[in-house]
């Protein structure tokens, strides 16, 4: 049995769309299925705008419109614990951590 089943809060996994999910949709769909069976919340977080619809991802899609992905997910109050992305620079930094650094004067 997985440790994430019955966790206090959902274990969030983000899968990027372009050049990640699209690199092998059938394989990623199987991986997503395994993660969900283990209790994870798997979502697609893309830099695309909402006008550039993603229609073949098996689940929720969040559109960041070029903004840092962590910030957008923070605004949606969705915790992401694992980021699967071919361009990690688009993920950005945790807004809570940035705030703490700013308050501590260590930015």
PDB file of N, CA and C in Angstrom:
ATOM      1  N   UNK A   1       0.845  -1.189   0.000  1.00  0.00           N
ATOM      2  CA  UNK A   1       0.000   0.000   0.000  1.00  0.00           C
ATOM      3  C   UNK A   1       0.888   1.250   0.000  1.00  0.00           C
ATOM      4  N   UNK A   2       0.445   2.258  -0.665  1.00  0.00           N
ATOM      5  CA  UNK A   2       1.215   3.491  -0.773  1.00  0.00           C
ATOM      6  C   UNK A   2       1.068   4.357   0.474  1.00  0.00           C
ATOM      7  N   UNK A   3       2.139   5.058   0.816  1.00  0.00           N
ATOM      8  CA  UNK A   3       2.091   5.981   1.946  1.00  0.00           C
ATOM      9  C   UNK A   3       1.258   7.225   1.641  1.00  0.00           C
ATOM     10  N   UNK A   4       1.036   7.523   0.341  1.00  0.00           N
ATOM     11  CA  UNK A   4       0.306   8.743   0.039  1.00  0.00           C
ATOM     12  C   UNK A   4      -1.201   8.551   0.054  1.00  0.00           C
ATOM     13  N   UNK A   5      -1.662   7.306   0.062  1.00  0.00           N
ATOM     14  CA  UNK A   5      -3.098   7.070   0.204  1.00  0.00           C
ATOM     15  C   UNK A   5      -3.490   7.423   1.631  1.00  0.00           C
ATOM     16  N   UNK A   6      -4.474   8.269   1.783  1.00  0.00           N
ATOM     17  CA  UNK A   6      -4.920   8.682   3.101  1.00  0.00           C
ATOM     18  C   UNK A   6      -4.055   9.752   3.737  1.00  0.00           C
ATOM     19  N   UNK A   7      -3.208  10.378   2.954  1.00  0.00           N
ATOM     20  CA  UNK A   7      -2.364  11.448   3.481  1.00  0.00           C
ATOM     21  C   UNK A   7      -3.234  12.607   3.951  1.00  0.00           C
ATOM     22  N   UNK A   8      -2.680  13.434   4.826  1.00  0.00           N
ATOM     23  CA  UNK A   8      -3.412  14.572   5.374  1.00  0.00           C
ATOM     24  C   UNK A   8      -3.845  15.525   4.263  1.00  0.00           C
ATOM     25  N   UNK A   9      -2.977  15.738   3.291  1.00  0.00           N
ATOM     26  CA  UNK A   9      -3.334  16.560   2.140  1.00  0.00           C
ATOM     27  C   UNK A   9      -2.918  15.811   0.888  1.00  0.00           C
ATOM     28  N   UNK A  10      -3.563  16.101  -0.227  1.00  0.00           N
ATOM     29  CA  UNK A  10      -3.237  15.369  -1.458  1.00  0.00           C
ATOM     30  C   UNK A  10      -1.780  15.574  -1.875  1.00  0.00           C
ATOM     31  N   UNK A  11      -1.161  14.506  -2.324  1.00  0.00           N
ATOM     32  CA  UNK A  11       0.203  14.560  -2.850  1.00  0.00           C
ATOM     33  C   UNK A  11       0.090  15.022  -4.295  1.00  0.00           C
ATOM     34  N   UNK A  12       0.579  16.213  -4.583  1.00  0.00           N
ATOM     35  CA  UNK A  12       0.409  16.812  -5.898  1.00  0.00           C
ATOM     36  C   UNK A  12       1.568  16.547  -6.838  1.00  0.00           C
ATOM     37  N   UNK A  13       1.235  16.163  -8.065  1.00  0.00           N
ATOM     38  CA  UNK A  13       2.221  15.943  -9.108  1.00  0.00           C
ATOM     39  C   UNK A  13       1.805  16.767 -10.317  1.00  0.00           C
ATOM     40  N   UNK A  14       2.748  17.556 -10.822  1.00  0.00           N
ATOM     41  CA  UNK A  14       2.511  18.367 -12.015  1.00  0.00           C
ATOM     42  C   UNK A  14       3.257  17.753 -13.191  1.00  0.00           C
ATOM     43  N   UNK A  15       2.560  17.586 -14.295  1.00  0.00           N
ATOM     44  CA  UNK A  15       3.185  17.118 -15.531  1.00  0.00           C
ATOM     45  C   UNK A  15       3.048  18.239 -16.555  1.00  0.00           C
ATOM     46  N   UNK A  16       4.173  18.716 -17.051  1.00  0.00           N
ATOM     47  CA  UNK A  16       4.186  19.715 -18.107  1.00  0.00           C
ATOM     48  C   UNK A  16       3.584  19.099 -19.367  1.00  0.00           C
ATOM     49  N   UNK A  17       3.067  19.943 -20.249  1.00  0.00           N
ATOM     50  CA  UNK A  17       2.438  19.426 -21.460  1.00  0.00           C
ATOM     51  C   UNK A  17       3.414  19.345 -22.636  1.00  0.00           C
ATOM     52  N   UNK A  18       3.823  20.491 -23.180  1.00  0.00           N
ATOM     53  CA  UNK A  18       4.647  20.511 -24.390  1.00  0.00           C
ATOM     54  C   UNK A  18       6.033  19.922 -24.137  1.00  0.00           C
ATOM     55  N   UNK A  19       6.393  18.962 -24.937  1.00  0.00           N
ATOM     56  CA  UNK A  19       7.693  18.282 -24.887  1.00  0.00           C
ATOM     57  C   UNK A  19       7.895  17.457 -23.617  1.00  0.00           C
ATOM     58  N   UNK A  20       6.869  17.312 -22.807  1.00  0.00           N
ATOM     59  CA  UNK A  20       6.925  16.380 -21.680  1.00  0.00           C
ATOM     60  C   UNK A  20       5.811  15.363 -21.909  1.00  0.00           C
ATOM     61  N   UNK A  21       4.560  15.727 -21.600  1.00  0.00           N
ATOM     62  CA  UNK A  21       3.450  14.797 -21.867  1.00  0.00           C
ATOM     63  C   UNK A  21       3.397  14.438 -23.348  1.00  0.00           C
ATOM     64  N   UNK A  22       3.582  15.438 -24.216  1.00  0.00           N
ATOM     65  CA  UNK A  22       3.469  15.184 -25.663  1.00  0.00           C
ATOM     66  C   UNK A  22       4.602  14.318 -26.208  1.00  0.00           C
ATOM     67  N   UNK A  23       5.673  14.133 -25.422  1.00  0.00           N
ATOM     68  CA  UNK A  23       6.774  13.297 -25.903  1.00  0.00           C
ATOM     69  C   UNK A  23       6.363  11.835 -26.039  1.00  0.00           C
ATOM     70  N   UNK A  24       5.404  11.406 -25.227  1.00  0.00           N
ATOM     71  CA  UNK A  24       4.908  10.025 -25.304  1.00  0.00           C
ATOM     72  C   UNK A  24       3.600   9.922 -24.513  1.00  0.00           C
ATOM     73  N   UNK A  25       2.509  10.431 -25.088  1.00  0.00           N
ATOM     74  CA  UNK A  25       1.237  10.492 -24.354  1.00  0.00           C
ATOM     75  C   UNK A  25       0.755   9.155 -23.788  1.00  0.00           C
ATOM     76  N   UNK A  26       0.924   8.073 -24.518  1.00  0.00           N
ATOM     77  CA  UNK A  26       0.441   6.775 -24.029  1.00  0.00           C
ATOM     78  C   UNK A  26       1.203   6.352 -22.774  1.00  0.00           C
ATOM     79  N   UNK A  27       2.514   6.531 -22.778  1.00  0.00           N
ATOM     80  CA  UNK A  27       3.322   6.169 -21.613  1.00  0.00           C
ATOM     81  C   UNK A  27       2.995   7.068 -20.428  1.00  0.00           C
ATOM     82  N   UNK A  28       2.908   8.375 -20.661  1.00  0.00           N
ATOM     83  CA  UNK A  28       2.585   9.295 -19.571  1.00  0.00           C
ATOM     84  C   UNK A  28       1.198   9.013 -19.005  1.00  0.00           C
ATOM     85  N   UNK A  29       0.248   8.636 -19.846  1.00  0.00           N
ATOM     86  CA  UNK A  29      -1.098   8.309 -19.353  1.00  0.00           C
ATOM     87  C   UNK A  29      -1.036   7.112 -18.394  1.00  0.00           C
ATOM     88  N   UNK A  30      -0.189   6.131 -18.713  1.00  0.00           N
ATOM     89  CA  UNK A  30      -0.025   4.977 -17.813  1.00  0.00           C
ATOM     90  C   UNK A  30       0.620   5.391 -16.496  1.00  0.00           C
ATOM     91  N   UNK A  31       1.655   6.230 -16.583  1.00  0.00           N
ATOM     92  CA  UNK A  31       2.338   6.717 -15.370  1.00  0.00           C
ATOM     93  C   UNK A  31       1.358   7.501 -14.499  1.00  0.00           C
ATOM     94  N   UNK A  32       0.568   8.359 -15.130  1.00  0.00           N
ATOM     95  CA  UNK A  32      -0.432   9.158 -14.408  1.00  0.00           C
ATOM     96  C   UNK A  32      -1.438   8.240 -13.722  1.00  0.00           C
ATOM     97  N   UNK A  33      -1.851   7.182 -14.413  1.00  0.00           N
ATOM     98  CA  UNK A  33      -2.784   6.217 -13.829  1.00  0.00           C
ATOM     99  C   UNK A  33      -2.213   5.546 -12.590  1.00  0.00           C
ATOM    100  N   UNK A  34      -0.947   5.158 -12.639  1.00  0.00           N
ATOM    101  CA  UNK A  34      -0.287   4.527 -11.488  1.00  0.00           C
ATOM    102  C   UNK A  34      -0.216   5.506 -10.319  1.00  0.00           C
ATOM    103  N   UNK A  35       0.170   6.750 -10.609  1.00  0.00           N
ATOM    104  CA  UNK A  35       0.254   7.758  -9.542  1.00  0.00           C
ATOM    105  C   UNK A  35      -1.109   8.006  -8.903  1.00  0.00           C
ATOM    106  N   UNK A  36      -2.130   8.068  -9.708  1.00  0.00           N
ATOM    107  CA  UNK A  36      -3.477   8.295  -9.163  1.00  0.00           C
ATOM    108  C   UNK A  36      -3.944   7.106  -8.338  1.00  0.00           C
ATOM    109  N   UNK A  37      -3.631   5.906  -8.774  1.00  0.00           N
ATOM    110  CA  UNK A  37      -3.994   4.717  -7.995  1.00  0.00           C
ATOM    111  C   UNK A  37      -3.318   4.744  -6.625  1.00  0.00           C
ATOM    112  N   UNK A  38      -2.150   5.360  -6.569  1.00  0.00           N
ATOM    113  CA  UNK A  38      -1.417   5.464  -5.300  1.00  0.00           C
ATOM    114  C   UNK A  38      -1.929   6.621  -4.447  1.00  0.00           C
ATOM    115  N   UNK A  39      -2.875   7.397  -4.969  1.00  0.00           N
ATOM    116  CA  UNK A  39      -3.469   8.467  -4.183  1.00  0.00           C
ATOM    117  C   UNK A  39      -3.020   9.874  -4.537  1.00  0.00           C
ATOM    118  N   UNK A  40      -2.196  10.023  -5.570  1.00  0.00           N
ATOM    119  CA  UNK A  40      -1.701  11.347  -5.945  1.00  0.00           C
ATOM    120  C   UNK A  40      -2.743  12.115  -6.751  1.00  0.00           C
ATOM    121  N   UNK A  41      -2.670  13.427  -6.631  1.00  0.00           N
ATOM    122  CA  UNK A  41      -3.449  14.311  -7.499  1.00  0.00           C
ATOM    123  C   UNK A  41      -2.501  14.742  -8.615  1.00  0.00           C
ATOM    124  N   UNK A  42      -2.743  14.277  -9.822  1.00  0.00           N
ATOM    125  CA  UNK A  42      -1.873  14.573 -10.960  1.00  0.00           C
ATOM    126  C   UNK A  42      -2.586  15.562 -11.870  1.00  0.00           C
ATOM    127  N   UNK A  43      -1.912  16.683 -12.123  1.00  0.00           N
ATOM    128  CA  UNK A  43      -2.478  17.725 -12.969  1.00  0.00           C
ATOM    129  C   UNK A  43      -1.454  18.126 -14.026  1.00  0.00           C
ATOM    130  N   UNK A  44      -1.946  18.758 -15.065  1.00  0.00           N
ATOM    131  CA  UNK A  44      -1.078  19.327 -16.085  1.00  0.00           C
ATOM    132  C   UNK A  44      -0.942  20.817 -15.795  1.00  0.00           C
ATOM    133  N   UNK A  45       0.300  21.296 -15.736  1.00  0.00           N
ATOM    134  CA  UNK A  45       0.556  22.723 -15.557  1.00  0.00           C
ATOM    135  C   UNK A  45       1.392  23.155 -16.749  1.00  0.00           C
ATOM    136  N   UNK A  46       0.805  23.994 -17.582  1.00  0.00           N
ATOM    137  CA  UNK A  46       1.444  24.391 -18.826  1.00  0.00           C
ATOM    138  C   UNK A  46       1.666  25.897 -18.894  1.00  0.00           C
ATOM    139  N   UNK A  47       2.694  26.291 -19.600  1.00  0.00           N
ATOM    140  CA  UNK A  47       2.956  27.716 -19.824  1.00  0.00           C
ATOM    141  C   UNK A  47       2.026  28.302 -20.872  1.00  0.00           C
ATOM    142  N   UNK A  48       1.254  27.472 -21.523  1.00  0.00           N
ATOM    143  CA  UNK A  48       0.328  27.937 -22.554  1.00  0.00           C
ATOM    144  C   UNK A  48      -0.720  28.898 -21.990  1.00  0.00           C
ATOM    145  N   UNK A  49      -1.342  29.646 -22.914  1.00  0.00           N
ATOM    146  CA  UNK A  49      -2.492  30.472 -22.554  1.00  0.00           C
ATOM    147  C   UNK A  49      -3.751  29.617 -22.684  1.00  0.00           C
ATOM    148  N   UNK A  50      -4.852  30.020 -22.054  1.00  0.00           N
ATOM    149  CA  UNK A  50      -6.093  29.243 -22.163  1.00  0.00           C
ATOM    150  C   UNK A  50      -6.603  29.110 -23.602  1.00  0.00           C
ATOM    151  N   UNK A  51      -6.213  30.036 -24.461  1.00  0.00           N
ATOM    152  CA  UNK A  51      -6.644  29.956 -25.860  1.00  0.00           C
ATOM    153  C   UNK A  51      -5.940  28.816 -26.599  1.00  0.00           C
ATOM    154  N   UNK A  52      -4.810  28.365 -26.071  1.00  0.00           N
ATOM    155  CA  UNK A  52      -4.053  27.259 -26.672  1.00  0.00           C
ATOM    156  C   UNK A  52      -4.447  25.967 -25.958  1.00  0.00           C
ATOM    157  N   UNK A  53      -5.677  25.539 -26.151  1.00  0.00           N
ATOM    158  CA  UNK A  53      -6.279  24.437 -25.409  1.00  0.00           C
ATOM    159  C   UNK A  53      -5.483  23.125 -25.470  1.00  0.00           C
ATOM    160  N   UNK A  54      -5.399  22.492 -24.327  1.00  0.00           N
ATOM    161  CA  UNK A  54      -4.878  21.137 -24.212  1.00  0.00           C
ATOM    162  C   UNK A  54      -6.096  20.239 -24.115  1.00  0.00           C
ATOM    163  N   UNK A  55      -6.229  19.307 -25.044  1.00  0.00           N
ATOM    164  CA  UNK A  55      -7.439  18.483 -25.075  1.00  0.00           C
ATOM    165  C   UNK A  55      -7.189  17.001 -24.802  1.00  0.00           C
ATOM    166  N   UNK A  56      -5.926  16.585 -24.807  1.00  0.00           N
ATOM    167  CA  UNK A  56      -5.669  15.145 -24.667  1.00  0.00           C
ATOM    168  C   UNK A  56      -5.000  14.746 -23.352  1.00  0.00           C
ATOM    169  N   UNK A  57      -4.857  15.689 -22.420  1.00  0.00           N
ATOM    170  CA  UNK A  57      -4.305  15.331 -21.115  1.00  0.00           C
ATOM    171  C   UNK A  57      -5.415  14.707 -20.277  1.00  0.00           C
ATOM    172  N   UNK A  58      -5.139  13.568 -19.622  1.00  0.00           N
ATOM    173  CA  UNK A  58      -6.183  12.892 -18.842  1.00  0.00           C
ATOM    174  C   UNK A  58      -6.388  13.508 -17.452  1.00  0.00           C
ATOM    175  N   UNK A  59      -6.965  14.707 -17.413  1.00  0.00           N
ATOM    176  CA  UNK A  59      -7.213  15.343 -16.130  1.00  0.00           C
ATOM    177  C   UNK A  59      -7.220  16.846 -16.215  1.00  0.00           C
ATOM    178  N   UNK A  60      -7.107  17.471 -15.035  1.00  0.00           N
ATOM    179  CA  UNK A  60      -7.142  18.932 -14.935  1.00  0.00           C
ATOM    180  C   UNK A  60      -5.939  19.564 -15.623  1.00  0.00           C
ATOM    181  N   UNK A  61      -6.181  20.717 -16.256  1.00  0.00           N
ATOM    182  CA  UNK A  61      -5.113  21.476 -16.897  1.00  0.00           C
ATOM    183  C   UNK A  61      -5.142  22.897 -16.348  1.00  0.00           C
ATOM    184  N   UNK A  62      -3.976  23.383 -15.929  1.00  0.00           N
ATOM    185  CA  UNK A  62      -3.826  24.749 -15.453  1.00  0.00           C
ATOM    186  C   UNK A  62      -2.957  25.508 -16.445  1.00  0.00           C
ATOM    187  N   UNK A  63      -3.456  26.640 -16.910  1.00  0.00           N
ATOM    188  CA  UNK A  63      -2.760  27.466 -17.899  1.00  0.00           C
ATOM    189  C   UNK A  63      -2.073  28.629 -17.187  1.00  0.00           C
ATOM    190  N   UNK A  64      -0.770  28.765 -17.394  1.00  0.00           N
ATOM    191  CA  UNK A  64       0.009  29.786 -16.692  1.00  0.00           C
ATOM    192  C   UNK A  64       0.287  31.017 -17.542  1.00  0.00           C
ATOM    193  N   UNK A  65       0.005  30.953 -18.823  1.00  0.00           N
ATOM    194  CA  UNK A  65       0.197  32.100 -19.721  1.00  0.00           C
ATOM    195  C   UNK A  65       1.589  32.715 -19.594  1.00  0.00           C
ATOM    196  N   UNK A  66       2.604  31.865 -19.480  1.00  0.00           N
ATOM    197  CA  UNK A  66       3.979  32.332 -19.412  1.00  0.00           C
ATOM    198  C   UNK A  66       4.459  32.740 -18.031  1.00  0.00           C
ATOM    199  N   UNK A  67       3.575  32.766 -17.046  1.00  0.00           N
ATOM    200  CA  UNK A  67       3.961  33.126 -15.673  1.00  0.00           C
ATOM    201  C   UNK A  67       4.628  31.933 -14.987  1.00  0.00           C
ATOM    202  N   UNK A  68       5.396  32.171 -13.919  1.00  0.00           N
ATOM    203  CA  UNK A  68       5.993  31.053 -13.188  1.00  0.00           C
ATOM    204  C   UNK A  68       4.917  30.085 -12.680  1.00  0.00           C
ATOM    205  N   UNK A  69       5.129  28.827 -12.944  1.00  0.00           N
ATOM    206  CA  UNK A  69       4.125  27.808 -12.634  1.00  0.00           C
ATOM    207  C   UNK A  69       3.836  27.690 -11.133  1.00  0.00           C
ATOM    208  N   UNK A  70       4.867  27.792 -10.310  1.00  0.00           N
ATOM    209  CA  UNK A  70       4.642  27.704  -8.854  1.00  0.00           C
ATOM    210  C   UNK A  70       3.711  28.808  -8.362  1.00  0.00           C
ATOM    211  N   UNK A  71       3.901  30.013  -8.876  1.00  0.00           N
ATOM    212  CA  UNK A  71       3.050  31.138  -8.470  1.00  0.00           C
ATOM    213  C   UNK A  71       1.596  30.880  -8.833  1.00  0.00           C
ATOM    214  N   UNK A  72       1.370  30.403 -10.044  1.00  0.00           N
ATOM    215  CA  UNK A  72       0.000  30.151 -10.494  1.00  0.00           C
ATOM    216  C   UNK A  72      -0.651  29.069  -9.642  1.00  0.00           C
ATOM    217  N   UNK A  73       0.071  28.001  -9.357  1.00  0.00           N
ATOM    218  CA  UNK A  73      -0.508  26.921  -8.554  1.00  0.00           C
ATOM    219  C   UNK A  73      -0.740  27.377  -7.117  1.00  0.00           C
ATOM    220  N   UNK A  74       0.137  28.242  -6.618  1.00  0.00           N
ATOM    221  CA  UNK A  74      -0.052  28.819  -5.279  1.00  0.00           C
ATOM    222  C   UNK A  74      -1.354  29.623  -5.249  1.00  0.00           C
ATOM    223  N   UNK A  75      -1.591  30.412  -6.289  1.00  0.00           N
ATOM    224  CA  UNK A  75      -2.824  31.204  -6.369  1.00  0.00           C
ATOM    225  C   UNK A  75      -4.057  30.315  -6.431  1.00  0.00           C
ATOM    226  N   UNK A  76      -3.935  29.151  -7.062  1.00  0.00           N
ATOM    227  CA  UNK A  76      -5.049  28.199  -7.148  1.00  0.00           C
ATOM    228  C   UNK A  76      -5.157  27.329  -5.896  1.00  0.00           C
ATOM    229  N   UNK A  77      -4.214  27.512  -4.967  1.00  0.00           N
ATOM    230  CA  UNK A  77      -4.161  26.733  -3.726  1.00  0.00           C
ATOM    231  C   UNK A  77      -4.049  25.221  -3.979  1.00  0.00           C
ATOM    232  N   UNK A  78      -3.214  24.895  -4.957  1.00  0.00           N
ATOM    233  CA  UNK A  78      -2.939  23.499  -5.280  1.00  0.00           C
ATOM    234  C   UNK A  78      -1.485  23.229  -4.921  1.00  0.00           C
ATOM    235  N   UNK A  79      -1.278  22.310  -3.968  1.00  0.00           N
ATOM    236  CA  UNK A  79       0.075  21.948  -3.562  1.00  0.00           C
ATOM    237  C   UNK A  79       0.669  20.979  -4.578  1.00  0.00           C
ATOM    238  N   UNK A  80       1.841  21.337  -5.096  1.00  0.00           N
ATOM    239  CA  UNK A  80       2.575  20.444  -5.988  1.00  0.00           C
ATOM    240  C   UNK A  80       3.852  20.038  -5.272  1.00  0.00           C
ATOM    241  N   UNK A  81       4.030  18.742  -5.121  1.00  0.00           N
ATOM    242  CA  UNK A  81       5.205  18.209  -4.444  1.00  0.00           C
ATOM    243  C   UNK A  81       6.266  17.740  -5.437  1.00  0.00           C
ATOM    244  N   UNK A  82       5.828  17.278  -6.599  1.00  0.00           N
ATOM    245  CA  UNK A  82       6.747  16.790  -7.629  1.00  0.00           C
ATOM    246  C   UNK A  82       6.401  17.476  -8.937  1.00  0.00           C
ATOM    247  N   UNK A  83       7.422  18.090  -9.548  1.00  0.00           N
ATOM    248  CA  UNK A  83       7.270  18.773 -10.832  1.00  0.00           C
ATOM    249  C   UNK A  83       7.971  17.946 -11.903  1.00  0.00           C
ATOM    250  N   UNK A  84       7.228  17.561 -12.945  1.00  0.00           N
ATOM    251  CA  UNK A  84       7.820  16.856 -14.080  1.00  0.00           C
ATOM    252  C   UNK A  84       7.761  17.826 -15.253  1.00  0.00           C
ATOM    253  N   UNK A  85       8.918  18.354 -15.617  1.00  0.00           N
ATOM    254  CA  UNK A  85       8.962  19.441 -16.600  1.00  0.00           C
ATOM    255  C   UNK A  85      10.309  19.417 -17.308  1.00  0.00           C
ATOM    256  N   UNK A  86      10.303  19.565 -18.624  1.00  0.00           N
ATOM    257  CA  UNK A  86      11.561  19.560 -19.376  1.00  0.00           C
ATOM    258  C   UNK A  86      12.300  20.895 -19.283  1.00  0.00           C
ATOM    259  N   UNK A  87      11.622  21.931 -18.779  1.00  0.00           N
ATOM    260  CA  UNK A  87      12.248  23.243 -18.635  1.00  0.00           C
ATOM    261  C   UNK A  87      11.980  23.759 -17.221  1.00  0.00           C
ATOM    262  N   UNK A  88      12.805  23.317 -16.296  1.00  0.00           N
ATOM    263  CA  UNK A  88      12.542  23.618 -14.884  1.00  0.00           C
ATOM    264  C   UNK A  88      12.561  25.109 -14.566  1.00  0.00           C
ATOM    265  N   UNK A  89      13.206  25.912 -15.399  1.00  0.00           N
ATOM    266  CA  UNK A  89      13.227  27.355 -15.148  1.00  0.00           C
ATOM    267  C   UNK A  89      11.825  27.973 -15.235  1.00  0.00           C
ATOM    268  N   UNK A  90      10.887  27.302 -15.899  1.00  0.00           N
ATOM    269  CA  UNK A  90       9.517  27.813 -15.987  1.00  0.00           C
ATOM    270  C   UNK A  90       8.708  27.544 -14.722  1.00  0.00           C
ATOM    271  N   UNK A  91       9.229  26.690 -13.856  1.00  0.00           N
ATOM    272  CA  UNK A  91       8.524  26.368 -12.614  1.00  0.00           C
ATOM    273  C   UNK A  91       8.578  27.556 -11.657  1.00  0.00           C
ATOM    274  N   UNK A  92       9.733  28.184 -11.541  1.00  0.00           N
ATOM    275  CA  UNK A  92       9.868  29.338 -10.650  1.00  0.00           C
ATOM    276  C   UNK A  92      10.118  28.923  -9.220  1.00  0.00           C
ATOM    277  N   UNK A  93      10.075  29.915  -8.343  1.00  0.00           N
ATOM    278  CA  UNK A  93      10.340  29.682  -6.929  1.00  0.00           C
ATOM    279  C   UNK A  93       9.039  29.698  -6.124  1.00  0.00           C
ATOM    280  N   UNK A  94       9.078  29.055  -4.979  1.00  0.00           N
ATOM    281  CA  UNK A  94       7.931  28.984  -4.081  1.00  0.00           C
ATOM    282  C   UNK A  94       7.638  30.383  -3.521  1.00  0.00           C
ATOM    283  N   UNK A  95       6.430  30.925  -3.765  1.00  0.00           N
ATOM    284  CA  UNK A  95       6.095  32.269  -3.268  1.00  0.00           C
ATOM    285  C   UNK A  95       6.226  32.412  -1.754  1.00  0.00           C
ATOM    286  N   UNK A  96       5.918  31.373  -0.993  1.00  0.00           N
ATOM    287  CA  UNK A  96       6.064  31.436   0.471  1.00  0.00           C
ATOM    288  C   UNK A  96       7.531  31.575   0.862  1.00  0.00           C
ATOM    289  N   UNK A  97       8.397  30.852   0.184  1.00  0.00           N
ATOM    290  CA  UNK A  97       9.825  30.920   0.472  1.00  0.00           C
ATOM    291  C   UNK A  97      10.377  32.294   0.099  1.00  0.00           C
ATOM    292  N   UNK A  98       9.922  32.849  -1.019  1.00  0.00           N
ATOM    293  CA  UNK A  98      10.345  34.194  -1.419  1.00  0.00           C
ATOM    294  C   UNK A  98       9.934  35.224  -0.385  1.00  0.00           C
ATOM    295  N   UNK A  99       8.705  35.100   0.140  1.00  0.00           N
ATOM    296  CA  UNK A  99       8.229  36.027   1.157  1.00  0.00           C
ATOM    297  C   UNK A  99       9.081  35.938   2.413  1.00  0.00           C
ATOM    298  N   UNK A 100       9.378  34.721   2.861  1.00  0.00           N
ATOM    299  CA  UNK A 100      10.197  34.543   4.065  1.00  0.00           C
ATOM    300  C   UNK A 100      11.592  35.133   3.873  1.00  0.00           C
ATOM    301  N   UNK A 101      12.188  34.921   2.687  1.00  0.00           N
ATOM    302  CA  UNK A 101      13.507  35.494   2.410  1.00  0.00           C
ATOM    303  C   UNK A 101      13.450  37.013   2.437  1.00  0.00           C
ATOM    304  N   UNK A 102      12.375  37.561   1.878  1.00  0.00           N
ATOM    305  CA  UNK A 102      12.210  39.007   1.843  1.00  0.00           C
ATOM    306  C   UNK A 102      12.083  39.569   3.258  1.00  0.00           C
ATOM    307  N   UNK A 103      11.262  38.918   4.085  1.00  0.00           N
ATOM    308  CA  UNK A 103      11.068  39.360   5.465  1.00  0.00           C
ATOM    309  C   UNK A 103      12.352  39.231   6.281  1.00  0.00           C
ATOM    310  N   UNK A 104      13.145  38.227   5.964  1.00  0.00           N
ATOM    311  CA  UNK A 104      14.396  38.013   6.694  1.00  0.00           C
ATOM    312  C   UNK A 104      15.532  38.862   6.136  1.00  0.00           C
ATOM    313  N   UNK A 105      15.278  39.540   5.031  1.00  0.00           N
ATOM    314  CA  UNK A 105      16.289  40.376   4.416  1.00  0.00           C
ATOM    315  C   UNK A 105      17.405  39.609   3.737  1.00  0.00           C
ATOM    316  N   UNK A 106      17.110  38.367   3.314  1.00  0.00           N
ATOM    317  CA  UNK A 106      18.135  37.533   2.678  1.00  0.00           C
ATOM    318  C   UNK A 106      17.854  37.292   1.208  1.00  0.00           C
ATOM    319  N   UNK A 107      17.069  38.102   0.629  1.00  0.00           N
ATOM    320  CA  UNK A 107      16.654  37.889  -0.754  1.00  0.00           C
ATOM    321  C   UNK A 107      17.763  38.033  -1.682  1.00  0.00           C
TER     322      UNK A 107
END
